[in-house]
Amino acid sequence: MTELRTRKRKFAPRSRQGCITCRARRKRCDGERPNCQNCLRVNFVCEWEQARRLPRTQPPRPSALPSVDPWDPRHSNAAVEQRNLLTYYIQILVPSISVAITPSSFYTTLYIPMALESDGILNAIVACSSSHLAKRTSGPDRAKYLRELSTKCQVQCYSFLRERIAPSGQPSRDPYQVVGVILLLVGLEALNGTRSQKWMHQLNCVRAILNTLRNDARPSNSAWELECLDRHFTYHDTMASLMADIVDDNTSAPSPSPQPPYPRFLASGSSITTTTTTIDPLMGLSHPLFTLLRQIRHL
């Protein structure tokens, strides 16, 4: 018996590059345009796919978001910048302006703990650090940013003071923080080489506040803080006495009193045992010598 073999129908491989007509008829297309030979032979319309065009990618339009302050404490970058400037204050700024490095320097032992509790002290420290760092930075953009940051922090410091100083010149609250902020701003004026007498106005304000605090007979746990503020003020007060003749006369201010009331730690018979051994970090002198400097200046 003859074995019947099923004849398999052969199809031309389907063209994926040819015209639409040949692909529909499953014919091999020669790919000639505009009409292939198969379509011409059978008089069919030779249709081709239109060239696909990729959509033009347009840059995303910036959304109308409110401007964000890079120094907002809610920003992670601002928090990092604050930590960096606090570290700079401790490791670079304070040693660079200190003649004597002492473990009891009020710049660190007093103001750093205060900065953790007071926005005013923190802004004053950041203002000093950013201003000092701007002078050491080679990049103009970075230096400009630091100067603007210092100015902004100073504005916040003055807002802090306005909220706390009454028209009488006495603080309505947070007197130690108020004195600390003013003294740090006075130091910033000196750091920037200001020749006006604005800082003398500020010292007169501090003098009045400290006199009130010293005369407060109530027992206080802040005697150490008051002594540190006294020491810081006495340095600037002595320098004001020495520099009074070379500041700009166009910005007059009341001169410090010839014989100002000295702090308790400079008074004779002081009970503070560290008086004769404590060295001022800014001048490298024992604190009682400030009394002699003031007396010599007014001879």
Protein backbone atom coordinates (compact mmCIF):
# COMPACT_ATOMS: atom_id res chain seq x y z
CA MET A 1 0.00 0.00 0.00
CA THR A 2 1.36 3.24 -1.03
CA GLU A 3 1.84 5.54 1.95
CA LEU A 4 0.16 8.84 1.35
CA ARG A 5 2.17 11.79 2.46
CA THR A 6 0.43 14.98 3.43
CA ARG A 7 1.73 17.86 1.45
CA LYS A 8 2.67 20.73 3.69
CA ARG A 9 1.84 24.12 2.38
CA LYS A 10 4.77 26.42 2.37
CA PHE A 11 4.33 30.06 3.22
CA ALA A 12 6.75 32.79 2.58
CA PRO A 13 8.17 34.12 5.80
CA ARG A 14 6.18 37.03 7.04
CA SER A 15 7.88 40.27 6.28
CA ARG A 16 8.22 42.72 9.11
CA GLN A 17 9.96 45.35 7.04
CA GLY A 18 7.82 45.34 3.92
CA CYS A 19 4.68 47.17 2.93
CA ILE A 20 1.39 46.65 4.70
CA THR A 21 -0.15 45.02 1.61
CA CYS A 22 2.51 42.30 1.36
CA ARG A 23 2.41 41.66 5.07
CA ALA A 24 -1.36 41.18 4.89
CA ARG A 25 -0.98 38.77 1.90
CA ARG A 26 1.94 37.01 3.62
CA LYS A 27 4.16 37.74 0.67
CA ARG A 28 7.84 38.48 0.72
CA CYS A 29 8.20 42.17 -0.02
CA ASP A 30 11.24 43.50 -1.82
CA GLY A 31 10.94 46.74 0.14
CA GLU A 32 11.01 49.09 -2.81
CA ARG A 33 9.25 52.38 -2.27
CA PRO A 34 6.83 53.84 -3.06
CA ASN A 35 5.54 50.64 -4.79
CA CYS A 36 7.04 47.19 -4.39
CA GLN A 37 7.16 44.72 -7.31
CA ASN A 38 4.53 42.39 -5.82
CA CYS A 39 1.94 45.17 -5.61
CA LEU A 40 2.78 46.40 -9.13
CA ARG A 41 2.45 42.87 -10.55
CA VAL A 42 -1.04 42.30 -9.16
CA ASN A 43 -2.03 45.95 -9.41
CA PHE A 44 -2.59 46.36 -5.68
CA VAL A 45 -2.24 49.56 -3.77
CA CYS A 46 1.12 49.47 -2.03
CA GLU A 47 0.63 50.91 1.42
CA TRP A 48 3.38 51.72 3.85
CA GLU A 49 3.36 52.60 7.50
CA GLN A 50 4.08 56.20 8.28
CA ALA A 51 7.36 56.84 10.00
CA ARG A 52 6.85 56.90 13.71
CA ARG A 53 7.81 60.13 15.39
CA LEU A 54 8.92 60.10 18.97
CA PRO A 55 7.13 62.69 21.07
CA ARG A 56 9.26 65.65 21.93
CA THR A 57 10.25 65.53 25.54
CA GLN A 58 9.57 68.88 27.13
CA PRO A 59 11.31 69.84 30.32
CA PRO A 60 8.93 69.80 33.25
CA ARG A 61 7.54 73.18 34.02
CA PRO A 62 8.57 74.48 37.39
CA SER A 63 5.66 74.27 39.74
CA ALA A 64 4.54 77.42 41.43
CA LEU A 65 5.91 76.52 44.86
CA PRO A 66 6.39 79.15 47.53
CA SER A 67 9.95 80.31 48.01
CA VAL A 68 11.74 78.32 50.67
CA ASP A 69 14.15 79.91 53.08
CA PRO A 70 17.36 77.80 53.12
CA TRP A 71 18.04 78.95 56.68
CA ASP A 72 14.66 77.80 57.99
CA PRO A 73 15.41 75.59 61.02
CA ARG A 74 12.94 73.05 59.61
CA HIS A 75 15.34 72.47 56.72
CA SER A 76 17.85 69.68 57.14
CA ASN A 77 20.48 71.80 55.35
CA ALA A 78 19.95 74.61 57.84
CA ALA A 79 20.35 72.24 60.77
CA VAL A 80 23.61 70.92 59.32
CA GLU A 81 24.85 74.46 58.68
CA GLN A 82 24.03 75.42 62.26
CA ARG A 83 26.02 72.48 63.62
CA ASN A 84 28.95 73.27 61.34
CA LEU A 85 29.02 76.92 62.41
CA LEU A 86 28.75 75.99 66.09
CA THR A 87 31.71 73.64 65.62
CA TYR A 88 33.58 76.40 63.79
CA TYR A 89 32.83 78.78 66.66
CA ILE A 90 34.29 76.36 69.24
CA GLN A 91 37.28 75.06 67.28
CA ILE A 92 38.31 78.04 65.12
CA LEU A 93 36.72 81.36 66.07
CA VAL A 94 37.18 81.29 69.84
CA PRO A 95 40.84 80.15 69.72
CA SER A 96 41.64 82.72 67.01
CA ILE A 97 40.41 85.67 69.09
CA SER A 98 41.66 84.40 72.45
CA VAL A 99 45.07 85.39 73.73
CA ALA A 100 44.90 82.86 76.56
CA ILE A 101 43.24 79.49 76.08
CA THR A 102 41.51 78.74 79.37
CA PRO A 103 39.09 75.89 80.14
CA SER A 104 36.79 78.39 81.84
CA SER A 105 36.40 80.71 78.85
CA PHE A 106 32.93 82.24 78.92
CA TYR A 107 32.82 81.98 75.13
CA THR A 108 32.31 78.22 75.43
CA THR A 109 31.37 77.38 79.02
CA LEU A 110 28.62 80.02 79.17
CA TYR A 111 27.39 80.71 75.66
CA ILE A 112 27.30 77.20 74.19
CA PRO A 113 24.90 75.85 76.86
CA MET A 114 22.87 79.05 76.49
CA ALA A 115 22.67 78.53 72.71
CA LEU A 116 20.99 75.17 73.24
CA GLU A 117 18.14 76.92 75.06
CA SER A 118 18.03 80.39 73.50
CA ASP A 119 17.45 81.26 69.85
CA GLY A 120 18.91 84.70 70.52
CA ILE A 121 22.27 83.35 71.71
CA LEU A 122 22.30 80.78 68.90
CA ASN A 123 21.69 83.45 66.25
CA ALA A 124 24.38 85.67 67.78
CA ILE A 125 26.92 82.83 67.67
CA VAL A 126 25.99 81.93 64.09
CA ALA A 127 26.25 85.60 63.08
CA CYS A 128 29.77 85.80 64.52
CA SER A 129 30.88 82.47 63.04
CA SER A 130 29.51 83.12 59.54
CA SER A 131 31.02 86.62 59.45
CA HIS A 132 34.42 85.31 60.54
CA LEU A 133 34.29 82.34 58.14
CA ALA A 134 33.33 84.63 55.23
CA LYS A 135 36.69 86.39 55.60
CA ARG A 136 38.53 83.04 55.34
CA THR A 137 36.53 81.60 52.45
CA SER A 138 38.06 81.80 48.97
CA GLY A 139 34.86 81.15 47.00
CA PRO A 140 33.02 84.44 46.32
CA ASP A 141 29.58 82.80 46.25
CA ARG A 142 30.16 81.02 49.53
CA ALA A 143 31.55 84.18 51.13
CA LYS A 144 28.53 86.18 49.95
CA TYR A 145 26.17 83.57 51.36
CA LEU A 146 27.94 83.66 54.73
CA ARG A 147 27.81 87.46 54.89
CA GLU A 148 24.10 87.42 54.09
CA LEU A 149 23.58 84.73 56.71
CA SER A 150 25.42 86.82 59.29
CA THR A 151 23.27 89.85 58.48
CA LYS A 152 20.08 87.82 58.70
CA CYS A 153 21.05 86.37 62.08
CA GLN A 154 21.86 89.86 63.37
CA VAL A 155 18.39 91.03 62.36
CA GLN A 156 16.91 88.10 64.27
CA CYS A 157 19.05 89.02 67.28
CA TYR A 158 17.73 92.59 67.32
CA SER A 159 14.19 91.24 67.03
CA PHE A 160 14.96 89.00 70.02
CA LEU A 161 16.13 92.04 72.00
CA ARG A 162 13.16 94.24 71.05
CA GLU A 163 10.78 91.61 72.38
CA ARG A 164 12.53 91.59 75.77
CA ILE A 165 13.82 95.10 76.49
CA ALA A 166 11.26 97.49 77.94
CA PRO A 167 11.23 101.24 77.13
CA SER A 168 13.03 101.80 80.43
CA GLY A 169 16.04 99.92 79.04
CA GLN A 170 15.63 97.00 81.43
CA PRO A 171 14.76 93.52 80.16
CA SER A 172 11.27 92.32 80.92
CA ARG A 173 12.44 88.69 80.80
CA ASP A 174 15.54 86.57 80.12
CA PRO A 175 18.02 89.21 81.38
CA TYR A 176 21.07 86.93 81.14
CA GLN A 177 20.29 85.99 77.56
CA VAL A 178 19.71 89.64 76.67
CA VAL A 179 23.12 90.62 78.06
CA GLY A 180 24.79 87.69 76.32
CA VAL A 181 23.29 88.57 72.93
CA ILE A 182 24.33 92.22 73.22
CA LEU A 183 27.90 91.35 74.24
CA LEU A 184 28.25 88.89 71.36
CA LEU A 185 26.99 91.56 68.95
CA VAL A 186 29.51 94.02 70.40
CA GLY A 187 32.22 91.45 69.72
CA LEU A 188 30.91 91.10 66.16
CA GLU A 189 31.20 94.87 65.68
CA ALA A 190 34.84 94.64 66.74
CA LEU A 191 35.38 91.60 64.51
CA ASN A 192 34.08 93.52 61.49
CA GLY A 193 36.26 96.54 62.29
CA THR A 194 33.35 98.92 62.82
CA ARG A 195 34.53 102.42 63.72
CA SER A 196 31.16 103.81 64.81
CA GLN A 197 30.13 104.23 68.43
CA LYS A 198 27.10 102.00 68.10
CA TRP A 199 28.75 99.41 70.32
CA MET A 200 29.19 102.03 73.05
CA HIS A 201 25.43 102.50 73.13
CA GLN A 202 25.12 98.76 73.49
CA LEU A 203 27.66 98.66 76.34
CA ASN A 204 25.80 101.41 78.21
CA CYS A 205 22.66 99.30 77.96
CA VAL A 206 24.52 96.26 79.30
CA ARG A 207 26.02 98.34 82.12
CA ALA A 208 22.57 99.40 83.32
CA ILE A 209 21.21 95.85 83.17
CA LEU A 210 24.19 94.38 85.03
CA ASN A 211 23.94 97.04 87.74
CA THR A 212 20.33 96.04 88.30
CA LEU A 213 21.22 92.34 88.43
CA ARG A 214 24.09 92.95 90.85
CA ASN A 215 21.86 94.95 93.19
CA ASP A 216 19.30 92.17 93.30
CA ALA A 217 19.74 90.84 96.83
CA ARG A 218 17.62 87.75 96.27
CA PRO A 219 19.56 84.45 96.28
CA SER A 220 20.05 83.13 92.80
CA ASN A 221 21.41 80.00 91.22
CA SER A 222 22.78 82.14 88.37
CA ALA A 223 25.67 83.75 90.27
CA TRP A 224 28.19 81.98 88.04
CA GLU A 225 26.41 83.15 84.86
CA LEU A 226 26.37 86.71 86.18
CA GLU A 227 30.10 86.55 86.97
CA CYS A 228 30.86 85.33 83.42
CA LEU A 229 28.78 88.12 81.91
CA ASP A 230 30.56 90.59 84.20
CA ARG A 231 33.92 89.40 82.92
CA HIS A 232 32.88 89.64 79.29
CA PHE A 233 31.41 93.10 79.79
CA THR A 234 34.48 94.35 81.68
CA TYR A 235 36.74 93.46 78.76
CA HIS A 236 34.62 95.42 76.25
CA ASP A 237 34.12 98.27 78.72
CA THR A 238 37.88 98.58 79.19
CA MET A 239 38.45 98.47 75.43
CA ALA A 240 35.77 101.14 74.97
CA SER A 241 37.69 103.36 77.36
CA LEU A 242 40.93 102.80 75.44
CA MET A 243 39.35 103.16 71.97
CA ALA A 244 37.09 106.14 72.68
CA ASP A 245 39.53 108.58 71.07
CA ILE A 246 39.78 106.85 67.68
CA VAL A 247 36.19 105.95 66.85
CA ASP A 248 34.15 107.88 64.32
CA ASP A 249 32.99 111.18 65.83
CA ASN A 250 30.09 111.37 63.38
CA THR A 251 28.19 108.80 65.39
CA SER A 252 28.30 110.20 68.87
CA ALA A 253 27.23 108.24 71.90
CA PRO A 254 27.36 108.79 75.64
CA SER A 255 30.84 108.01 76.83
CA PRO A 256 31.29 105.41 79.53
CA SER A 257 31.22 106.92 82.99
CA PRO A 258 34.71 107.85 84.27
CA GLN A 259 34.33 105.70 87.36
CA PRO A 260 31.80 102.99 86.52
CA PRO A 261 30.61 100.67 89.25
CA TYR A 262 32.87 97.65 88.97
CA PRO A 263 31.56 94.11 89.20
CA ARG A 264 31.79 92.21 92.45
CA PHE A 265 34.67 90.08 91.21
CA LEU A 266 36.80 93.25 90.77
CA ALA A 267 35.89 94.78 94.10
CA SER A 268 38.28 94.70 97.02
CA GLY A 269 37.63 91.91 99.46
CA SER A 270 35.81 89.80 96.90
CA SER A 271 34.82 86.40 98.17
CA ILE A 272 35.49 84.73 94.85
CA THR A 273 38.62 82.67 95.36
CA THR A 274 39.36 82.41 91.65
CA THR A 275 39.59 86.17 91.15
CA THR A 276 43.38 86.38 91.17
CA THR A 277 43.90 83.20 89.17
CA THR A 278 41.27 83.57 86.45
CA ILE A 279 42.77 84.82 83.19
CA ASP A 280 40.73 86.78 80.71
CA PRO A 281 40.78 84.84 77.39
CA LEU A 282 40.66 87.98 75.25
CA MET A 283 43.56 89.90 76.82
CA GLY A 284 45.48 87.24 78.68
CA LEU A 285 45.41 89.34 81.87
CA SER A 286 44.26 88.62 85.37
CA HIS A 287 40.87 90.26 85.82
CA PRO A 288 41.86 92.66 88.66
CA LEU A 289 44.27 94.32 86.23
CA PHE A 290 41.27 95.72 84.39
CA THR A 291 40.68 98.00 87.35
CA LEU A 292 44.20 99.36 87.02
CA LEU A 293 43.78 99.88 83.27
CA ARG A 294 40.62 101.91 83.79
CA GLN A 295 42.22 103.98 86.55
CA ILE A 296 45.31 104.68 84.43
CA ARG A 297 43.13 105.66 81.45
CA HIS A 298 41.30 108.31 83.52
CA LEU A 299 44.34 109.84 85.20
